[in-house]
Protein backbone atom coordinates (compact mmCIF):
# COMPACT_ATOMS: atom_id res chain seq x y z
CA UNK A 1 21.05 66.51 -27.44
CA UNK A 2 18.25 67.96 -25.37
CA UNK A 3 15.69 66.97 -28.03
CA UNK A 4 16.98 63.43 -28.00
CA UNK A 5 16.65 63.16 -24.23
CA UNK A 6 13.15 64.63 -24.45
CA UNK A 7 12.11 62.03 -27.02
CA UNK A 8 13.58 59.22 -24.94
CA UNK A 9 11.66 60.42 -21.89
CA UNK A 10 8.39 60.63 -23.82
CA UNK A 11 8.92 57.12 -25.21
CA UNK A 12 9.65 55.76 -21.74
CA UNK A 13 6.45 57.31 -20.34
CA UNK A 14 4.35 55.99 -23.21
CA UNK A 15 5.80 52.48 -22.86
CA UNK A 16 5.07 52.52 -19.12
CA UNK A 17 1.48 53.66 -19.67
CA UNK A 18 0.68 51.26 -22.50
CA UNK A 19 0.19 48.09 -20.39
CA UNK A 20 -2.02 49.98 -17.96
CA UNK A 21 -4.22 51.27 -20.75
CA UNK A 22 -4.45 47.83 -22.29
CA UNK A 23 -5.25 46.34 -18.88
CA UNK A 24 -7.95 48.94 -18.28
CA UNK A 25 -9.46 48.27 -21.69
CA UNK A 26 -9.52 44.53 -20.93
CA UNK A 27 -11.45 44.98 -17.67
CA UNK A 28 -15.08 43.81 -17.57
CA UNK A 29 -17.24 46.28 -15.67
CA UNK A 30 -19.91 44.43 -13.68
CA UNK A 31 -22.90 45.84 -11.82
CA UNK A 32 -24.30 43.79 -8.93
CA UNK A 33 -27.97 43.77 -7.93
CA UNK A 34 -29.45 41.80 -5.04
CA UNK A 35 -33.21 41.81 -4.49
CA UNK A 36 -35.54 39.99 -2.13
CA UNK A 37 -38.74 38.74 -3.76
CA UNK A 38 -41.41 39.03 -1.09
CA UNK A 39 -44.76 40.70 -0.61
CA UNK A 40 -44.17 41.02 3.15
CA UNK A 41 -43.23 44.55 4.35
CA UNK A 42 -39.60 45.02 5.33
CA UNK A 43 -40.45 46.08 8.88
CA UNK A 44 -43.12 43.70 10.06
CA UNK A 45 -42.13 43.99 13.70
CA UNK A 46 -42.41 47.79 13.52
CA UNK A 47 -45.73 47.85 11.70
CA UNK A 48 -48.65 48.47 13.98
CA UNK A 49 -51.68 46.32 13.24
CA UNK A 50 -54.97 47.99 12.79
CA UNK A 51 -56.68 48.32 16.15
CA UNK A 52 -60.29 47.12 16.05
CA UNK A 53 -62.92 49.16 17.71
CA UNK A 54 -63.41 47.94 21.29
CA UNK A 55 -66.60 46.06 21.89
CA UNK A 56 -68.16 48.11 24.66
CA UNK A 57 -70.57 46.37 26.95
CA UNK A 58 -74.14 47.66 27.35
CA UNK A 59 -73.21 48.96 30.79
CA UNK A 60 -71.00 51.60 29.15
CA UNK A 61 -73.69 52.89 26.81
CA UNK A 62 -75.23 56.28 27.58
CA UNK A 63 -78.19 56.12 29.97
CA UNK A 64 -80.98 58.76 30.30
CA UNK A 65 -80.30 61.49 32.90
CA UNK A 66 -82.98 61.91 35.62
CA UNK A 67 -84.83 65.24 35.78
CA UNK A 68 -83.23 67.96 37.99
CA UNK A 69 -84.81 68.76 41.34
CA UNK A 70 -87.17 71.83 41.23
CA UNK A 71 -86.10 75.04 42.91
CA UNK A 72 -87.98 76.29 46.12
CA UNK A 73 -89.63 79.11 44.18
CA UNK A 74 -90.95 76.76 41.55
CA UNK A 75 -92.18 74.38 44.22
CA UNK A 76 -94.02 77.25 46.07
CA UNK A 77 -95.60 78.42 42.84
CA UNK A 78 -96.91 74.99 42.18
CA UNK A 79 -98.20 74.62 45.78
CA UNK A 80 -100.04 78.05 45.88
CA UNK A 81 -101.92 78.70 42.64
CA UNK A 82 -103.51 82.12 42.00
CA UNK A 83 -106.91 82.86 43.73
CA UNK A 84 -109.98 82.18 41.64
CA UNK A 85 -108.12 80.33 39.00
CA UNK A 86 -108.70 76.69 38.46
CA UNK A 87 -105.34 75.22 37.70
CA UNK A 88 -104.57 71.80 36.37
CA UNK A 89 -101.28 70.04 36.70
CA UNK A 90 -99.09 70.61 33.61
CA UNK A 91 -97.09 67.74 32.18
CA UNK A 92 -93.41 67.59 33.15
CA UNK A 93 -91.14 68.06 30.11
CA UNK A 94 -88.78 65.11 29.36
CA UNK A 95 -85.34 65.59 30.85
CA UNK A 96 -82.51 66.29 28.44
CA UNK A 97 -80.07 63.46 27.61
CA UNK A 98 -76.84 63.34 29.61
CA UNK A 99 -73.87 60.91 29.75
CA UNK A 100 -73.17 58.93 32.86
CA UNK A 101 -69.43 58.25 33.33
CA UNK A 102 -68.53 54.51 33.53
CA UNK A 103 -67.35 53.05 36.76
CA UNK A 104 -63.76 51.92 37.40
CA UNK A 105 -64.72 48.25 37.13
CA UNK A 106 -66.29 48.84 33.72
CA UNK A 107 -63.19 50.71 32.49
CA UNK A 108 -60.91 47.89 33.66
CA UNK A 109 -63.05 45.26 31.91
CA UNK A 110 -63.04 47.27 28.67
CA UNK A 111 -59.22 47.61 28.76
CA UNK A 112 -58.82 43.88 29.28
CA UNK A 113 -61.08 43.16 26.29
CA UNK A 114 -59.15 45.62 24.10
CA UNK A 115 -55.82 44.02 25.10
CA UNK A 116 -57.16 40.57 24.21
CA UNK A 117 -58.31 41.76 20.78
CA UNK A 118 -54.94 43.40 20.07
CA UNK A 119 -53.13 40.15 20.94
CA UNK A 120 -55.46 38.18 18.66
CA UNK A 121 -54.85 40.64 15.81
CA UNK A 122 -51.07 40.37 16.18
CA UNK A 123 -51.24 36.56 16.27
CA UNK A 124 -53.24 36.56 13.03
CA UNK A 125 -50.65 38.89 11.47
CA UNK A 126 -47.78 36.60 12.45
CA UNK A 127 -49.58 33.56 11.02
CA UNK A 128 -50.16 35.37 7.74
CA UNK A 129 -46.47 36.34 7.44
CA UNK A 130 -44.38 33.68 9.25
CA UNK A 131 -41.32 33.65 6.99
CA UNK A 132 -40.41 37.30 7.41
CA UNK A 133 -40.93 37.39 11.17
CA UNK A 134 -39.10 34.11 11.75
CA UNK A 135 -36.17 35.21 9.66
CA UNK A 136 -35.88 38.56 11.39
CA UNK A 137 -35.87 36.87 14.76
CA UNK A 138 -33.45 34.06 13.98
CA UNK A 139 -31.33 35.09 10.99
CA UNK A 140 -29.96 38.51 11.80
CA UNK A 141 -27.49 37.24 14.38
CA UNK A 142 -25.01 36.43 11.56
CA UNK A 143 -25.28 39.85 9.86
CA UNK A 144 -23.35 43.01 10.70
CA UNK A 145 -25.18 45.34 13.08
CA UNK A 146 -27.67 47.56 11.32
CA UNK A 147 -27.41 45.69 7.98
CA UNK A 148 -29.87 43.56 6.06
CA UNK A 149 -29.06 40.37 4.17
CA UNK A 150 -29.67 42.10 0.83
CA UNK A 151 -27.20 44.93 1.46
CA UNK A 152 -24.56 42.66 2.99
CA UNK A 153 -24.76 40.04 0.22
CA UNK A 154 -24.50 42.70 -2.49
CA UNK A 155 -21.35 44.08 -0.87
CA UNK A 156 -19.82 40.60 -0.60
CA UNK A 157 -20.47 39.86 -4.28
CA UNK A 158 -18.95 43.20 -5.27
CA UNK A 159 -15.88 42.29 -3.25
CA UNK A 160 -15.37 38.93 -4.97
CA UNK A 161 -16.08 40.39 -8.43
CA UNK A 162 -13.40 43.04 -7.90
CA UNK A 163 -10.89 40.36 -6.88
CA UNK A 164 -11.68 38.17 -9.91
CA UNK A 165 -9.17 38.47 -12.79
CA UNK A 166 -10.15 41.00 -15.49
CA UNK A 167 -13.36 42.01 -13.68
CA UNK A 168 -14.33 45.14 -11.80
CA UNK A 169 -17.39 45.91 -9.75
CA UNK A 170 -18.94 49.30 -10.56
CA UNK A 171 -22.11 51.19 -9.74
CA UNK A 172 -22.81 52.54 -13.24
CA UNK A 173 -21.63 52.32 -16.88
CA UNK A 174 -21.44 48.54 -16.56
CA UNK A 175 -20.96 46.14 -19.43
CA UNK A 176 -22.40 43.09 -17.63
CA UNK A 177 -24.65 42.48 -14.63
CA UNK A 178 -24.97 39.92 -11.83
CA UNK A 179 -28.48 39.63 -10.43
CA UNK A 180 -29.25 37.69 -7.26
CA UNK A 181 -32.82 36.99 -6.18
CA UNK A 182 -33.64 35.83 -2.66
CA UNK A 183 -36.95 34.10 -1.95
CA UNK A 184 -37.66 33.86 1.80
CA UNK A 185 -38.27 30.50 3.44
CA UNK A 186 -39.21 29.77 7.04
CA UNK A 187 -35.45 29.61 7.62
CA UNK A 188 -33.17 31.35 5.15
CA UNK A 189 -33.78 31.87 1.45
CA UNK A 190 -33.79 30.13 -1.90
CA UNK A 191 -31.18 32.00 -3.94
CA UNK A 192 -30.96 32.45 -7.72
CA UNK A 193 -27.85 34.06 -9.24
CA UNK A 194 -27.52 35.02 -12.93
CA UNK A 195 -24.67 36.60 -14.92
CA UNK A 196 -25.42 38.31 -18.24
CA UNK A 197 -21.92 37.75 -19.58
CA UNK A 198 -22.31 33.97 -19.83
CA UNK A 199 -26.11 33.75 -19.52
CA UNK A 200 -25.54 31.28 -16.70
CA UNK A 201 -27.84 30.90 -13.71
CA UNK A 202 -27.19 28.96 -10.51
CA UNK A 203 -29.54 28.05 -7.65
CA UNK A 204 -29.16 27.15 -3.97
CA UNK A 205 -32.30 25.66 -2.49
CA UNK A 206 -31.74 26.85 1.08
CA UNK A 207 -29.24 29.55 2.03
CA UNK A 208 -28.75 30.64 5.64
CA UNK A 209 -27.63 34.00 6.93
CA UNK A 210 -24.29 32.63 8.18
CA UNK A 211 -23.50 31.30 4.68
CA UNK A 212 -23.72 34.55 2.71
CA UNK A 213 -19.94 34.93 2.44
CA UNK A 214 -19.41 31.35 1.19
CA UNK A 215 -22.31 31.69 -1.24
CA UNK A 216 -20.99 34.98 -2.63
CA UNK A 217 -17.54 33.47 -3.24
CA UNK A 218 -18.89 30.36 -4.96
CA UNK A 219 -21.58 32.15 -6.97
CA UNK A 220 -19.10 34.68 -8.40
CA UNK A 221 -16.61 31.94 -9.29
CA UNK A 222 -19.31 29.81 -10.96
CA UNK A 223 -20.89 32.65 -12.93
CA UNK A 224 -17.72 34.34 -14.16
CA UNK A 225 -16.03 31.05 -15.12
CA UNK A 226 -19.23 29.50 -16.57
CA UNK A 227 -19.12 26.33 -14.43
CA UNK A 228 -21.73 24.72 -12.13
CA UNK A 229 -21.71 25.99 -8.57
CA UNK A 230 -21.17 22.41 -7.38
CA UNK A 231 -17.68 22.51 -8.93
CA UNK A 232 -16.63 25.57 -6.90
CA UNK A 233 -16.77 23.84 -3.52
CA UNK A 234 -13.70 23.84 -1.28
CA UNK A 235 -13.12 22.85 2.31
CA UNK A 236 -13.77 26.42 3.43
CA UNK A 237 -17.01 27.27 1.59
CA UNK A 238 -19.25 24.22 2.07
CA UNK A 239 -22.94 25.09 2.33
CA UNK A 240 -25.50 23.16 4.31
CA UNK A 241 -27.35 22.72 1.04
CA UNK A 242 -24.42 20.63 -0.29
CA UNK A 243 -25.04 17.96 2.35
CA UNK A 244 -28.81 17.78 2.03
CA UNK A 245 -30.02 14.67 0.25
CA UNK A 246 -32.86 14.99 -2.22
CA UNK A 247 -33.51 11.47 -3.39
CA UNK A 248 -36.79 10.92 -5.16
CA UNK A 249 -37.75 7.49 -6.45
CA UNK A 250 -39.75 6.88 -9.58
CA UNK A 251 -42.82 4.89 -8.68
CA UNK A 252 -43.27 2.05 -11.13
CA UNK A 253 -45.63 -0.85 -11.62
CA UNK A 254 -44.90 -4.52 -10.96
CA UNK A 255 -46.33 -7.35 -13.05
CA UNK A 256 -46.33 -11.13 -13.26
CA UNK A 257 -45.54 -12.51 -16.71
CA UNK A 258 -46.21 -15.86 -18.34
CA UNK A 259 -44.56 -16.67 -21.67
CA UNK A 260 -44.38 -19.44 -24.25
CA UNK A 261 -42.16 -19.81 -27.31
CA UNK A 262 -39.37 -21.67 -29.01
CA UNK A 263 -35.59 -21.56 -29.04
CA UNK A 264 -33.58 -22.07 -32.21
CA UNK A 265 -30.16 -23.44 -31.26
CA UNK A 266 -27.33 -24.11 -33.71
CA UNK A 267 -24.44 -26.43 -32.81
CA UNK A 268 -22.04 -29.03 -34.25
CA UNK A 269 -23.30 -32.47 -33.18
CA UNK A 270 -22.98 -36.15 -34.15
CA UNK A 271 -26.00 -37.15 -36.24
CA UNK A 272 -27.00 -40.48 -37.71
CA UNK A 273 -27.12 -40.87 -41.48
CA UNK A 274 -30.64 -41.95 -42.31
CA UNK A 275 -30.24 -43.03 -45.94
CA UNK A 276 -27.65 -44.06 -48.48
CA UNK A 277 -24.71 -46.43 -48.35
CA UNK A 278 -23.65 -45.14 -44.90
CA UNK A 279 -27.09 -45.43 -43.37
CA UNK A 280 -26.90 -45.90 -39.62
CA UNK A 281 -23.43 -44.40 -39.29
CA UNK A 282 -22.54 -41.08 -37.66
CA UNK A 283 -21.39 -37.80 -39.15
CA UNK A 284 -20.56 -34.54 -37.39
CA UNK A 285 -22.51 -31.64 -38.88
CA UNK A 286 -24.12 -28.29 -38.09
CA UNK A 287 -27.48 -29.07 -36.51
CA UNK A 288 -30.48 -26.88 -35.75
CA UNK A 289 -32.29 -27.74 -32.53
CA UNK A 290 -35.70 -26.17 -31.85
CA UNK A 291 -37.19 -27.07 -28.46
CA UNK A 292 -40.33 -25.43 -27.10
CA UNK A 293 -39.74 -23.06 -24.19
CA UNK A 294 -41.95 -21.65 -21.47
CA UNK A 295 -41.28 -19.35 -18.56
CA UNK A 296 -42.68 -17.18 -15.81
CA UNK A 297 -41.30 -14.24 -13.91
CA UNK A 298 -41.47 -10.57 -12.99
CA UNK A 299 -41.57 -7.42 -15.10
CA UNK A 300 -41.34 -3.96 -13.55
CA UNK A 301 -42.00 -0.73 -15.44
CA UNK A 302 -40.43 2.55 -14.31
CA UNK A 303 -41.44 5.26 -16.80
CA UNK A 304 -39.16 4.66 -19.81
CA UNK A 305 -37.25 1.79 -18.19
CA UNK A 306 -38.15 -1.77 -17.40
CA UNK A 307 -36.68 -4.73 -15.52
CA UNK A 308 -37.46 -8.36 -16.31
CA UNK A 309 -36.47 -11.44 -14.31
CA UNK A 310 -37.65 -14.82 -15.60
CA UNK A 311 -37.24 -18.51 -14.98
CA UNK A 312 -37.46 -20.52 -18.17
CA UNK A 313 -37.25 -24.12 -19.28
CA UNK A 314 -37.24 -25.87 -22.65
CA UNK A 315 -37.96 -29.38 -23.78
CA UNK A 316 -36.63 -30.97 -26.98
CA UNK A 317 -39.40 -32.77 -28.83
CA UNK A 318 -37.43 -34.35 -31.70
CA UNK A 319 -36.18 -37.80 -30.77
CA UNK A 320 -34.47 -40.33 -33.04
CA UNK A 321 -35.23 -44.03 -32.66
CA UNK A 322 -32.38 -46.21 -31.44
CA UNK A 323 -33.14 -48.60 -34.28
CA UNK A 324 -31.81 -46.06 -36.76
CA UNK A 325 -28.47 -45.95 -34.95
CA UNK A 326 -27.58 -49.46 -33.78
CA UNK A 327 -24.00 -48.47 -33.03
CA UNK A 328 -25.07 -45.54 -30.87
CA UNK A 329 -23.67 -42.02 -30.58
CA UNK A 330 -26.48 -39.95 -32.16
CA UNK A 331 -27.24 -36.76 -30.15
CA UNK A 332 -30.65 -35.17 -29.66
CA UNK A 333 -31.47 -32.02 -27.71
CA UNK A 334 -32.92 -32.90 -24.35
CA UNK A 335 -33.73 -29.44 -22.96
CA UNK A 336 -32.51 -26.58 -20.86
CA UNK A 337 -33.43 -24.56 -17.78
CA UNK A 338 -32.15 -21.20 -16.64
CA UNK A 339 -32.58 -17.79 -15.06
CA UNK A 340 -32.49 -14.56 -17.08
CA UNK A 341 -32.43 -10.86 -16.23
CA UNK A 342 -33.10 -8.12 -18.79
CA UNK A 343 -33.00 -4.33 -18.68
CA UNK A 344 -35.52 -2.75 -21.05
CA UNK A 345 -36.03 0.69 -22.59
CA UNK A 346 -39.53 1.59 -23.86
CA UNK A 347 -39.96 3.72 -26.96
CA UNK A 348 -43.43 4.99 -25.95
CA UNK A 349 -43.78 4.37 -22.21
CA UNK A 350 -47.28 5.89 -21.88
CA UNK A 351 -48.77 4.61 -25.10
CA UNK A 352 -51.29 1.82 -25.58
CA UNK A 353 -48.59 -0.02 -27.52
CA UNK A 354 -44.85 0.35 -27.34
CA UNK A 355 -41.75 -1.15 -28.86
CA UNK A 356 -38.89 -1.81 -26.49
CA UNK A 357 -35.32 -2.99 -26.61
CA UNK A 358 -32.74 -3.99 -24.08
CA UNK A 359 -30.00 -6.33 -23.04
CA UNK A 360 -29.26 -8.78 -20.29
CA UNK A 361 -27.81 -12.13 -19.44
CA UNK A 362 -28.94 -15.68 -18.83
CA UNK A 363 -27.47 -18.63 -16.97
CA UNK A 364 -28.53 -21.92 -18.55
CA UNK A 365 -28.14 -25.61 -17.86
CA UNK A 366 -28.36 -27.73 -21.04
CA UNK A 367 -28.66 -31.47 -21.47
CA UNK A 368 -28.46 -33.71 -24.52
CA UNK A 369 -29.66 -37.28 -25.07
CA UNK A 370 -27.25 -39.79 -26.63
CA UNK A 371 -28.38 -43.09 -28.20
CA UNK A 372 -26.52 -46.02 -26.63
CA UNK A 373 -25.42 -49.06 -28.65
CA UNK A 374 -27.99 -51.80 -29.12
CA UNK A 375 -26.00 -54.03 -26.80
CA UNK A 376 -26.47 -51.59 -23.89
CA UNK A 377 -29.18 -52.17 -21.35
CA UNK A 378 -30.20 -48.48 -21.42
CA UNK A 379 -31.32 -47.02 -24.72
CA UNK A 380 -30.17 -43.46 -23.93
CA UNK A 381 -27.64 -41.60 -21.78
CA UNK A 382 -27.48 -37.89 -20.91
CA UNK A 383 -24.78 -35.24 -21.41
CA UNK A 384 -24.84 -32.01 -19.39
CA UNK A 385 -23.31 -28.59 -20.01
CA UNK A 386 -24.09 -24.96 -19.40
CA UNK A 387 -22.83 -21.45 -18.73
CA UNK A 388 -23.51 -17.74 -19.00
CA UNK A 389 -24.89 -16.11 -22.15
CA UNK A 390 -25.28 -12.49 -23.13
CA UNK A 391 -28.63 -11.54 -24.63
CA UNK A 392 -30.03 -8.79 -26.80
CA UNK A 393 -33.78 -8.19 -26.49
CA UNK A 394 -36.34 -6.58 -28.78
CA UNK A 395 -40.09 -6.69 -28.28
CA UNK A 396 -43.52 -5.11 -28.67
CA UNK A 397 -46.15 -4.67 -25.95
CA UNK A 398 -49.81 -4.17 -26.88
CA UNK A 399 -53.19 -3.85 -25.15
CA UNK A 400 -51.35 -2.05 -22.35
CA UNK A 401 -54.53 -0.48 -20.94
CA UNK A 402 -56.21 -3.85 -20.37
CA UNK A 403 -56.10 -5.90 -17.21
CA UNK A 404 -54.18 -8.60 -19.10
CA UNK A 405 -51.57 -7.29 -21.52
CA UNK A 406 -49.55 -9.09 -24.18
CA UNK A 407 -46.11 -8.90 -25.72
CA UNK A 408 -44.04 -10.42 -28.50
CA UNK A 409 -40.35 -10.74 -27.77
CA UNK A 410 -37.24 -11.94 -29.53
CA UNK A 411 -33.85 -12.65 -27.95
CA UNK A 412 -30.42 -13.18 -29.44
CA UNK A 413 -28.39 -15.61 -27.28
CA UNK A 414 -24.60 -15.31 -27.44
CA UNK A 415 -22.97 -17.92 -25.15
CA UNK A 416 -19.77 -17.04 -23.36
CA UNK A 417 -18.81 -20.72 -23.17
CA UNK A 418 -18.39 -23.83 -25.29
CA UNK A 419 -20.68 -26.81 -24.90
CA UNK A 420 -18.06 -29.39 -24.05
CA UNK A 421 -19.27 -32.73 -22.69
CA UNK A 422 -18.80 -36.42 -23.54
CA UNK A 423 -19.10 -40.00 -22.29
CA UNK A 424 -18.11 -43.41 -23.62
CA UNK A 425 -20.82 -43.30 -26.25
CA UNK A 426 -20.92 -39.74 -27.60
CA UNK A 427 -19.43 -36.30 -27.23
CA UNK A 428 -20.48 -32.70 -27.73
CA UNK A 429 -17.99 -29.90 -28.32
CA UNK A 430 -19.38 -26.77 -29.97
CA UNK A 431 -20.31 -23.14 -29.58
CA UNK A 432 -24.11 -22.97 -29.55
CA UNK A 433 -25.63 -19.54 -30.26
CA UNK A 434 -29.33 -19.20 -30.82
CA UNK A 435 -32.50 -17.13 -31.10
CA UNK A 436 -35.56 -17.27 -28.83
CA UNK A 437 -39.05 -16.20 -29.92
CA UNK A 438 -41.75 -15.71 -27.30
CA UNK A 439 -45.31 -14.55 -26.85
CA UNK A 440 -46.33 -13.64 -23.32
CA UNK A 441 -48.99 -12.23 -21.05
CA UNK A 442 -48.52 -9.49 -18.45
CA UNK A 443 -50.79 -9.52 -15.38
């Protein structure tokens, strides 16, 4: 009985310890390192600049000391030479050098000059290292007393790593590492954070001292969950960097274009029978119209992309004589006019030649000429129609380095409308797709 109770107790202890051991084995041990990349010393304000040697004025330089006054015995000896001896005056030896102490005015002037030179040296030092000094003066107000941004940020990241699921912040024996690099700016830092577990790196362009806590929370969440730091924003951890706009525009080139070509238009239309037993009568059949077309407009190039806006017009040149259709009703293509816009994508944007493709739309006004009966006073009448068409564009630009460049372009026109128009003489009701071929110049 006792053995059974002992076994039950051991089993209960093992079952209670098993989840903890599995949980401990599942923990990811993370080491955190925060460094500041700068060549400026950490204590610029405490560093004493080298003091230049003071520029002493000539008044402070050592001057020769006058000769000492002779003693009375020496003077008497010189005045009474020995009897019978012819004496000659002996040369006076040069006096030894001696230093003359500067006056109070000279000392005061020298101290003023030295103070001025020290101030100039400190000003030069501050200009050489503005980022460190500015940051120490303006950024430390948001840090705990006696702490630096590096130490405080490392502790914050360790805190958020420890509170992340299945992660633990440790000082040694770590399986993964988080490294944060701070690059000083005039205000704040540019921060890079990298996690070895996901090989992910995030960057904040400008981080201020009062945002270290929000940055630590967002950086840990982004790195451990392998998501961009922009997706970790909440109402309580918004950084000033999130609101800063960085809009850069691609500078392109603008050109005037002139183009000439033809449009091939297919539609069901009433046409006169020109030969046979039914000569002069009408039959409805699929007809190919091919007017000439010309246009002018604008083309802008923006690296790989292009924008084209053109005004174009076409004139139908094939006309049927009214004598072939005495009863009237034959339809010829009169012409069209419209406005088109195309978005282009260049295959080789910086090459001397480049293929391109794109798409766009065109709004066109079309008109057709109808032969009136021979009894009518007017030989022809006009039918109008029009609408919006989708267009596919393919082309080739060449001689792109010249002042005047050229291009070949083809367009597929897919109308989103039916040509539906009529009068007492003729009628037109058909879908009219087509193809346009152009050659153009770019100025």
